[in-house]
């Protein structure tokens, strides 16, 4: 059972949140990495954290970016400096749960599973966990002020190149 009871919000806000999650998954699966940073505020936080560290309150994260500029640097790295076998990824994201709602700010979470397909190989489960998010209303629409990807397994591939 969730430690946070779900909060009721209006249909229009819920639809916008659900669309944000769907658009994010489509963007990171598309391979058009320039789209990724546009889902975040300028002073955002993006963390990829093992579940054990999250539950124990340990600050160590596998990836930790503290601004939209750092996300853009990661995109540059994906394109220009990181050498890896290319692969496709596909996100399956659960419906977002709303834990707290204010006029211009939502605290949400959703389960996710990411599948990876390397060229000429079968698809495999790559990363499974949950997003813990702070979403804010901006003049450009809803954006992530904070996205923490808390993955369940302590065993992860030796490199995570693309955004989760």
N, C-alpha and C. Protein backbone atom coordinates (compact mmCIF):
# COMPACT_ATOMS: atom_id res chain seq x y z
N UNK A 1 0.84 -1.18 0.00
CA UNK A 1 0.00 0.00 0.00
C UNK A 1 0.88 1.24 0.00
N UNK A 2 0.46 2.23 -0.75
CA UNK A 2 1.21 3.48 -0.85
C UNK A 2 1.26 4.19 0.49
N UNK A 3 2.39 4.82 0.76
CA UNK A 3 2.50 5.61 1.99
C UNK A 3 1.86 6.97 1.82
N UNK A 4 1.52 7.33 0.59
CA UNK A 4 0.87 8.60 0.29
C UNK A 4 -0.48 8.31 -0.35
N UNK A 5 -1.58 8.71 0.28
CA UNK A 5 -2.86 8.52 -0.39
C UNK A 5 -2.94 9.41 -1.63
N UNK A 6 -3.58 8.90 -2.67
CA UNK A 6 -3.73 9.68 -3.89
C UNK A 6 -4.59 10.91 -3.62
N UNK A 7 -4.32 11.97 -4.35
CA UNK A 7 -5.03 13.24 -4.21
C UNK A 7 -5.92 13.40 -5.43
N UNK A 8 -7.14 13.84 -5.21
CA UNK A 8 -8.04 14.09 -6.33
C UNK A 8 -7.74 15.46 -6.92
N UNK A 9 -7.63 15.49 -8.26
CA UNK A 9 -7.46 16.76 -8.97
C UNK A 9 -8.47 16.79 -10.11
N UNK A 10 -8.61 17.91 -10.75
CA UNK A 10 -9.53 18.03 -11.86
C UNK A 10 -9.10 17.20 -13.05
N UNK A 11 -10.08 16.86 -13.89
CA UNK A 11 -9.79 16.03 -15.06
C UNK A 11 -8.79 16.69 -15.99
N UNK A 12 -8.92 17.99 -16.22
CA UNK A 12 -8.02 18.68 -17.15
C UNK A 12 -6.57 18.60 -16.66
N UNK A 13 -6.34 18.80 -15.36
CA UNK A 13 -4.98 18.70 -14.82
C UNK A 13 -4.45 17.27 -14.92
N UNK A 14 -5.30 16.30 -14.60
CA UNK A 14 -4.85 14.90 -14.69
C UNK A 14 -4.51 14.53 -16.13
N UNK A 15 -5.33 14.98 -17.06
CA UNK A 15 -5.07 14.69 -18.47
C UNK A 15 -3.74 15.31 -18.90
N UNK A 16 -3.46 16.53 -18.46
CA UNK A 16 -2.19 17.17 -18.80
C UNK A 16 -1.01 16.42 -18.20
N UNK A 17 -1.15 15.93 -16.96
CA UNK A 17 -0.08 15.15 -16.34
C UNK A 17 0.13 13.83 -17.09
N UNK A 18 -0.95 13.14 -17.40
CA UNK A 18 -0.84 11.88 -18.14
C UNK A 18 -0.20 12.12 -19.51
N UNK A 19 -0.55 13.22 -20.16
CA UNK A 19 0.03 13.54 -21.47
C UNK A 19 1.52 13.85 -21.33
N UNK A 20 1.91 14.54 -20.25
CA UNK A 20 3.33 14.82 -20.00
C UNK A 20 4.12 13.51 -19.90
N UNK A 21 3.61 12.55 -19.13
CA UNK A 21 4.28 11.26 -18.99
C UNK A 21 4.37 10.53 -20.32
N UNK A 22 3.29 10.53 -21.09
CA UNK A 22 3.28 9.84 -22.39
C UNK A 22 4.23 10.52 -23.37
N UNK A 23 4.21 11.85 -23.39
CA UNK A 23 5.09 12.59 -24.30
C UNK A 23 6.56 12.37 -23.95
N UNK A 24 6.86 12.34 -22.64
CA UNK A 24 8.24 12.11 -22.20
C UNK A 24 8.72 10.74 -22.69
N UNK A 25 7.91 9.71 -22.48
CA UNK A 25 8.30 8.36 -22.90
C UNK A 25 8.52 8.31 -24.41
N UNK A 26 7.63 8.93 -25.17
CA UNK A 26 7.78 8.93 -26.62
C UNK A 26 9.06 9.66 -27.03
N UNK A 27 9.35 10.76 -26.37
CA UNK A 27 10.54 11.56 -26.71
C UNK A 27 11.83 10.78 -26.46
N UNK A 28 11.95 10.17 -25.28
CA UNK A 28 13.20 9.45 -24.99
C UNK A 28 13.31 8.15 -25.79
N UNK A 29 12.20 7.61 -26.23
CA UNK A 29 12.25 6.42 -27.08
C UNK A 29 12.55 6.76 -28.54
N UNK A 30 12.32 8.00 -28.93
CA UNK A 30 12.48 8.40 -30.32
C UNK A 30 13.95 8.52 -30.74
N UNK A 31 14.83 8.73 -29.78
CA UNK A 31 16.24 8.95 -30.11
C UNK A 31 16.54 10.39 -30.49
N UNK A 32 15.55 11.26 -30.49
CA UNK A 32 15.76 12.69 -30.74
C UNK A 32 16.07 13.34 -29.38
N UNK A 33 17.33 13.30 -29.00
CA UNK A 33 17.72 13.66 -27.63
C UNK A 33 17.50 15.12 -27.30
N UNK A 34 17.42 15.98 -28.29
CA UNK A 34 17.15 17.39 -28.02
C UNK A 34 15.78 17.59 -27.35
N UNK A 35 14.86 16.68 -27.59
CA UNK A 35 13.54 16.78 -26.97
C UNK A 35 13.60 16.58 -25.46
N UNK A 36 14.53 15.76 -24.99
CA UNK A 36 14.57 15.36 -23.58
C UNK A 36 14.64 16.55 -22.62
N UNK A 37 15.59 17.43 -22.83
CA UNK A 37 15.77 18.53 -21.88
C UNK A 37 14.60 19.49 -21.86
N UNK A 38 13.80 19.53 -22.92
CA UNK A 38 12.68 20.46 -22.99
C UNK A 38 11.52 20.08 -22.05
N UNK A 39 11.59 18.90 -21.45
CA UNK A 39 10.57 18.48 -20.49
C UNK A 39 10.85 19.02 -19.09
N UNK A 40 11.96 19.74 -18.92
CA UNK A 40 12.43 20.16 -17.60
C UNK A 40 12.52 21.67 -17.49
N UNK A 41 12.42 22.15 -16.24
CA UNK A 41 12.65 23.56 -15.96
C UNK A 41 14.16 23.83 -16.01
N UNK A 42 14.54 25.10 -16.09
CA UNK A 42 15.96 25.46 -16.18
C UNK A 42 16.75 25.00 -14.97
N UNK A 43 16.16 25.06 -13.78
CA UNK A 43 16.86 24.70 -12.55
C UNK A 43 16.42 23.33 -12.03
N UNK A 44 16.18 22.42 -12.94
CA UNK A 44 15.66 21.09 -12.60
C UNK A 44 16.70 20.22 -11.90
N UNK A 45 16.18 19.10 -11.38
CA UNK A 45 17.02 18.02 -10.86
C UNK A 45 16.58 16.73 -11.54
N UNK A 46 17.55 15.96 -12.02
CA UNK A 46 17.28 14.64 -12.62
C UNK A 46 18.25 13.67 -11.95
N UNK A 47 17.69 12.65 -11.30
CA UNK A 47 18.53 11.66 -10.61
C UNK A 47 18.10 10.25 -11.00
N UNK A 48 19.08 9.39 -11.13
CA UNK A 48 18.85 7.96 -11.31
C UNK A 48 19.47 7.30 -10.08
N UNK A 49 18.62 6.70 -9.24
CA UNK A 49 19.03 6.25 -7.92
C UNK A 49 18.61 4.80 -7.68
N UNK A 50 19.49 3.97 -7.12
CA UNK A 50 19.06 2.62 -6.74
C UNK A 50 18.03 2.69 -5.60
N UNK A 51 17.10 1.77 -5.61
CA UNK A 51 16.04 1.74 -4.60
C UNK A 51 16.60 1.69 -3.18
N UNK A 52 17.62 0.87 -2.98
CA UNK A 52 18.19 0.74 -1.64
C UNK A 52 18.70 2.09 -1.13
N UNK A 53 19.41 2.83 -1.96
CA UNK A 53 19.90 4.14 -1.55
C UNK A 53 18.76 5.10 -1.25
N UNK A 54 17.73 5.07 -2.09
CA UNK A 54 16.58 5.94 -1.88
C UNK A 54 15.89 5.63 -0.56
N UNK A 55 15.63 4.34 -0.31
CA UNK A 55 14.90 3.96 0.91
C UNK A 55 15.71 4.23 2.18
N UNK A 56 17.02 4.17 2.10
CA UNK A 56 17.87 4.43 3.27
C UNK A 56 18.25 5.91 3.40
N UNK A 57 17.84 6.71 2.43
CA UNK A 57 18.15 8.14 2.47
C UNK A 57 19.58 8.46 2.10
N UNK A 58 20.27 7.53 1.41
CA UNK A 58 21.64 7.77 0.99
C UNK A 58 21.64 8.68 -0.25
N UNK A 59 22.53 9.64 -0.32
CA UNK A 59 22.51 10.59 -1.44
C UNK A 59 23.12 10.07 -2.73
N UNK A 60 23.86 8.96 -2.70
CA UNK A 60 24.55 8.48 -3.89
C UNK A 60 23.57 8.13 -5.00
N UNK A 61 23.81 8.69 -6.19
CA UNK A 61 22.98 8.43 -7.36
C UNK A 61 23.87 7.96 -8.50
N UNK A 62 23.32 7.12 -9.36
CA UNK A 62 24.05 6.64 -10.53
C UNK A 62 24.28 7.78 -11.52
N UNK A 63 23.26 8.60 -11.72
CA UNK A 63 23.35 9.83 -12.51
C UNK A 63 22.70 10.94 -11.69
N UNK A 64 23.27 12.15 -11.74
CA UNK A 64 22.71 13.27 -10.99
C UNK A 64 23.01 14.56 -11.76
N UNK A 65 21.95 15.17 -12.29
CA UNK A 65 22.09 16.43 -13.02
C UNK A 65 21.27 17.50 -12.31
N UNK A 66 21.84 18.71 -12.20
CA UNK A 66 21.21 19.76 -11.40
C UNK A 66 20.73 20.96 -12.21
N UNK A 67 20.62 20.83 -13.52
CA UNK A 67 20.09 21.93 -14.32
C UNK A 67 19.79 21.43 -15.72
N UNK A 68 18.99 22.20 -16.43
CA UNK A 68 18.71 21.88 -17.83
C UNK A 68 20.00 21.91 -18.64
N UNK A 69 20.92 22.80 -18.28
CA UNK A 69 22.21 22.86 -18.96
C UNK A 69 22.97 21.55 -18.83
N UNK A 70 22.92 20.93 -17.65
CA UNK A 70 23.60 19.65 -17.46
C UNK A 70 22.93 18.56 -18.31
N UNK A 71 21.61 18.63 -18.47
CA UNK A 71 20.92 17.66 -19.33
C UNK A 71 21.38 17.84 -20.77
N UNK A 72 21.53 19.08 -21.20
CA UNK A 72 22.01 19.34 -22.57
C UNK A 72 23.45 18.85 -22.74
N UNK A 73 24.27 18.97 -21.69
CA UNK A 73 25.64 18.42 -21.75
C UNK A 73 25.60 16.91 -21.93
N UNK A 74 24.65 16.25 -21.25
CA UNK A 74 24.51 14.81 -21.39
C UNK A 74 24.13 14.45 -22.82
N UNK A 75 23.23 15.22 -23.41
CA UNK A 75 22.84 14.98 -24.80
C UNK A 75 24.05 15.12 -25.71
N UNK A 76 24.87 16.12 -25.48
CA UNK A 76 26.10 16.29 -26.26
C UNK A 76 26.99 15.04 -26.10
N UNK A 77 27.10 14.56 -24.87
CA UNK A 77 27.90 13.36 -24.61
C UNK A 77 27.36 12.14 -25.34
N UNK A 78 26.05 11.98 -25.35
CA UNK A 78 25.42 10.84 -26.04
C UNK A 78 25.79 10.89 -27.52
N UNK A 79 25.72 12.06 -28.09
CA UNK A 79 25.96 12.22 -29.53
C UNK A 79 27.43 12.20 -29.92
N UNK A 80 28.27 12.83 -29.11
CA UNK A 80 29.62 13.15 -29.56
C UNK A 80 30.76 12.41 -28.85
N UNK A 81 30.58 12.03 -27.59
CA UNK A 81 31.75 11.53 -26.86
C UNK A 81 31.61 10.14 -26.28
N UNK A 82 30.40 9.65 -26.09
CA UNK A 82 30.22 8.32 -25.50
C UNK A 82 30.21 7.28 -26.61
N UNK A 83 31.06 6.28 -26.47
CA UNK A 83 31.13 5.22 -27.46
C UNK A 83 30.45 3.98 -26.89
N UNK A 84 29.45 3.47 -27.60
CA UNK A 84 28.68 2.31 -27.12
C UNK A 84 28.00 1.64 -28.31
N UNK A 85 27.58 0.41 -28.10
CA UNK A 85 26.77 -0.27 -29.10
C UNK A 85 25.42 0.42 -29.15
N UNK A 86 24.96 0.82 -30.32
CA UNK A 86 23.65 1.49 -30.38
C UNK A 86 22.54 0.53 -29.97
N UNK A 87 21.50 1.09 -29.40
CA UNK A 87 20.33 0.29 -29.04
C UNK A 87 19.09 1.17 -29.05
N UNK A 88 17.96 0.50 -29.12
CA UNK A 88 16.67 1.18 -29.00
C UNK A 88 16.17 0.92 -27.60
N UNK A 89 15.37 1.84 -27.10
CA UNK A 89 14.71 1.58 -25.84
C UNK A 89 13.23 1.92 -25.98
N UNK A 90 12.43 1.24 -25.16
CA UNK A 90 10.99 1.44 -25.18
C UNK A 90 10.50 1.51 -23.74
N UNK A 91 9.84 2.61 -23.40
CA UNK A 91 9.30 2.82 -22.06
C UNK A 91 7.84 2.37 -21.99
N UNK A 92 7.49 1.70 -20.94
CA UNK A 92 6.10 1.42 -20.59
C UNK A 92 5.91 2.09 -19.23
N UNK A 93 5.01 3.07 -19.17
CA UNK A 93 4.85 3.89 -17.97
C UNK A 93 3.43 3.76 -17.47
N UNK A 94 3.31 3.51 -16.17
CA UNK A 94 2.00 3.41 -15.54
C UNK A 94 1.34 4.77 -15.40
N UNK A 95 0.07 4.75 -15.07
CA UNK A 95 -0.67 6.00 -14.86
C UNK A 95 -0.07 6.74 -13.67
N UNK A 96 0.08 8.05 -13.78
CA UNK A 96 0.66 8.80 -12.67
C UNK A 96 -0.28 8.86 -11.47
N UNK A 97 0.31 8.72 -10.29
CA UNK A 97 -0.39 8.94 -9.03
C UNK A 97 -0.06 10.34 -8.56
N UNK A 98 -1.05 11.05 -8.08
CA UNK A 98 -0.82 12.40 -7.58
C UNK A 98 -0.84 12.34 -6.06
N UNK A 99 0.28 12.71 -5.44
CA UNK A 99 0.38 12.69 -3.98
C UNK A 99 0.09 14.03 -3.35
N UNK A 100 0.35 15.11 -4.11
CA UNK A 100 0.10 16.45 -3.58
C UNK A 100 -0.17 17.35 -4.77
N UNK A 101 -1.18 18.20 -4.64
CA UNK A 101 -1.52 19.12 -5.72
C UNK A 101 -1.73 20.51 -5.16
N UNK A 102 -1.03 21.45 -5.77
CA UNK A 102 -1.22 22.86 -5.47
C UNK A 102 -1.57 23.53 -6.79
N UNK A 103 -1.81 24.82 -6.78
CA UNK A 103 -2.25 25.51 -8.00
C UNK A 103 -1.27 25.30 -9.15
N UNK A 104 0.03 25.41 -8.89
CA UNK A 104 1.01 25.33 -9.97
C UNK A 104 2.08 24.28 -9.73
N UNK A 105 1.81 23.31 -8.85
CA UNK A 105 2.83 22.32 -8.49
C UNK A 105 2.16 21.00 -8.12
N UNK A 106 2.72 19.90 -8.64
CA UNK A 106 2.20 18.57 -8.35
C UNK A 106 3.35 17.67 -7.92
N UNK A 107 3.11 16.85 -6.91
CA UNK A 107 4.05 15.79 -6.54
C UNK A 107 3.43 14.49 -7.00
N UNK A 108 4.12 13.79 -7.91
CA UNK A 108 3.54 12.63 -8.57
C UNK A 108 4.54 11.47 -8.59
N UNK A 109 4.03 10.31 -8.91
CA UNK A 109 4.91 9.16 -9.15
C UNK A 109 4.23 8.22 -10.12
N UNK A 110 5.04 7.44 -10.81
CA UNK A 110 4.52 6.43 -11.74
C UNK A 110 5.55 5.33 -11.89
N UNK A 111 5.08 4.11 -12.01
CA UNK A 111 5.96 2.97 -12.28
C UNK A 111 6.40 3.01 -13.74
N UNK A 112 7.60 2.48 -13.99
CA UNK A 112 8.08 2.40 -15.37
C UNK A 112 8.84 1.09 -15.57
N UNK A 113 8.87 0.67 -16.82
CA UNK A 113 9.74 -0.42 -17.28
C UNK A 113 10.35 0.03 -18.59
N UNK A 114 11.64 -0.17 -18.73
CA UNK A 114 12.34 0.19 -19.96
C UNK A 114 12.91 -1.10 -20.56
N UNK A 115 12.58 -1.33 -21.82
CA UNK A 115 13.10 -2.48 -22.55
C UNK A 115 14.17 -1.97 -23.51
N UNK A 116 15.21 -2.77 -23.69
CA UNK A 116 16.30 -2.40 -24.59
C UNK A 116 16.41 -3.44 -25.69
N UNK A 117 16.61 -2.95 -26.92
CA UNK A 117 16.83 -3.83 -28.05
C UNK A 117 18.10 -3.40 -28.74
N UNK A 118 19.12 -4.26 -28.68
CA UNK A 118 20.33 -4.03 -29.45
C UNK A 118 20.10 -4.59 -30.85
N UNK A 119 20.77 -3.98 -31.82
CA UNK A 119 20.59 -4.42 -33.20
C UNK A 119 20.90 -5.91 -33.32
N UNK A 120 20.06 -6.63 -34.00
CA UNK A 120 20.21 -8.07 -34.25
C UNK A 120 20.16 -8.92 -32.98
N UNK A 121 19.54 -8.40 -31.93
CA UNK A 121 19.37 -9.18 -30.70
C UNK A 121 17.93 -9.05 -30.23
N UNK A 122 17.54 -9.96 -29.34
CA UNK A 122 16.18 -9.88 -28.80
C UNK A 122 16.09 -8.76 -27.77
N UNK A 123 14.87 -8.31 -27.54
CA UNK A 123 14.64 -7.28 -26.53
C UNK A 123 14.78 -7.87 -25.13
N UNK A 124 15.30 -7.05 -24.22
CA UNK A 124 15.46 -7.47 -22.83
C UNK A 124 14.95 -6.37 -21.91
N UNK A 125 14.60 -6.77 -20.69
CA UNK A 125 14.23 -5.78 -19.68
C UNK A 125 15.52 -5.07 -19.26
N UNK A 126 15.52 -3.76 -19.38
CA UNK A 126 16.72 -2.97 -19.14
C UNK A 126 16.72 -2.32 -17.76
N UNK A 127 15.59 -1.70 -17.38
CA UNK A 127 15.53 -0.98 -16.11
C UNK A 127 14.07 -0.89 -15.70
N UNK A 128 13.81 -1.16 -14.42
CA UNK A 128 12.45 -1.14 -13.89
C UNK A 128 12.46 -0.37 -12.58
N UNK A 129 11.46 0.46 -12.39
CA UNK A 129 11.39 1.21 -11.14
C UNK A 129 10.20 2.14 -11.13
N UNK A 130 10.42 3.30 -10.49
CA UNK A 130 9.36 4.30 -10.43
C UNK A 130 9.96 5.69 -10.54
N UNK A 131 9.19 6.57 -11.15
CA UNK A 131 9.53 7.97 -11.19
C UNK A 131 8.91 8.65 -9.97
N UNK A 132 9.67 9.47 -9.31
CA UNK A 132 9.16 10.32 -8.24
C UNK A 132 9.41 11.75 -8.71
N UNK A 133 8.34 12.47 -8.98
CA UNK A 133 8.45 13.73 -9.71
C UNK A 133 7.83 14.91 -8.98
N UNK A 134 8.38 16.07 -9.27
CA UNK A 134 7.73 17.35 -8.96
C UNK A 134 7.50 18.00 -10.32
N UNK A 135 6.24 18.26 -10.61
CA UNK A 135 5.84 18.85 -11.88
C UNK A 135 5.29 20.24 -11.59
N UNK A 136 5.72 21.21 -12.38
CA UNK A 136 5.25 22.59 -12.18
C UNK A 136 4.61 23.11 -13.46
N UNK A 137 3.69 24.04 -13.26
CA UNK A 137 3.03 24.69 -14.38
C UNK A 137 3.90 25.87 -14.81
N UNK A 138 4.21 25.96 -16.10
CA UNK A 138 5.01 27.05 -16.64
C UNK A 138 4.24 27.67 -17.80
N UNK A 139 4.68 28.82 -18.31
CA UNK A 139 4.01 29.38 -19.49
C UNK A 139 4.07 28.45 -20.70
N UNK A 140 5.03 27.54 -20.74
CA UNK A 140 5.15 26.57 -21.84
C UNK A 140 4.42 25.27 -21.55
N UNK A 141 3.68 25.19 -20.45
CA UNK A 141 2.97 23.97 -20.09
C UNK A 141 3.63 23.30 -18.90
N UNK A 142 3.21 22.08 -18.57
CA UNK A 142 3.77 21.36 -17.43
C UNK A 142 5.19 20.92 -17.73
N UNK A 143 6.06 21.06 -16.72
CA UNK A 143 7.47 20.66 -16.84
C UNK A 143 7.89 19.96 -15.56
N UNK A 144 8.91 19.13 -15.67
CA UNK A 144 9.48 18.49 -14.49
C UNK A 144 10.46 19.45 -13.83
N UNK A 145 10.20 19.78 -12.57
CA UNK A 145 11.16 20.53 -11.76
C UNK A 145 12.15 19.55 -11.16
N UNK A 146 11.67 18.33 -10.93
CA UNK A 146 12.50 17.27 -10.37
C UNK A 146 11.98 15.94 -10.88
N UNK A 147 12.91 15.08 -11.33
CA UNK A 147 12.56 13.70 -11.72
C UNK A 147 13.61 12.80 -11.12
N UNK A 148 13.15 11.95 -10.19
CA UNK A 148 14.02 10.95 -9.61
C UNK A 148 13.55 9.60 -10.11
N UNK A 149 14.42 8.91 -10.82
CA UNK A 149 14.15 7.57 -11.32
C UNK A 149 14.76 6.60 -10.32
N UNK A 150 13.91 5.93 -9.55
CA UNK A 150 14.37 5.00 -8.53
C UNK A 150 14.21 3.60 -9.10
N UNK A 151 15.35 2.98 -9.43
CA UNK A 151 15.29 1.65 -10.06
C UNK A 151 15.39 0.56 -9.01
N UNK A 152 14.69 -0.56 -9.27
CA UNK A 152 14.53 -1.62 -8.28
C UNK A 152 15.74 -2.51 -8.10
N UNK A 153 16.41 -2.88 -9.17
CA UNK A 153 17.48 -3.87 -9.09
C UNK A 153 18.80 -3.21 -8.73
N UNK A 154 19.57 -3.88 -7.89
CA UNK A 154 20.91 -3.40 -7.60
C UNK A 154 21.85 -3.70 -8.76
N UNK A 155 21.45 -4.63 -9.60
CA UNK A 155 22.26 -5.01 -10.76
C UNK A 155 21.75 -4.23 -11.98
N UNK A 156 22.61 -3.39 -12.52
CA UNK A 156 22.26 -2.66 -13.73
C UNK A 156 23.35 -2.90 -14.76
N UNK A 157 23.05 -2.68 -16.03
CA UNK A 157 24.10 -2.83 -17.05
C UNK A 157 25.28 -1.91 -16.73
N UNK A 158 26.43 -2.26 -17.27
CA UNK A 158 27.64 -1.49 -16.94
C UNK A 158 27.60 -0.07 -17.46
N UNK A 159 26.63 0.26 -18.29
CA UNK A 159 26.51 1.64 -18.72
C UNK A 159 25.04 1.97 -19.01
N UNK A 160 24.64 3.11 -18.52
CA UNK A 160 23.33 3.64 -18.86
C UNK A 160 23.62 4.91 -19.66
N UNK A 161 23.36 4.84 -20.94
CA UNK A 161 23.71 5.94 -21.84
C UNK A 161 22.52 6.88 -22.00
N UNK A 162 21.38 6.34 -22.37
CA UNK A 162 20.21 7.15 -22.69
C UNK A 162 19.39 7.45 -21.44
N UNK A 163 18.62 8.52 -21.47
CA UNK A 163 17.77 8.85 -20.31
C UNK A 163 16.76 7.75 -20.01
N UNK A 164 16.47 7.59 -18.75
CA UNK A 164 15.43 6.62 -18.33
C UNK A 164 14.10 7.35 -18.27
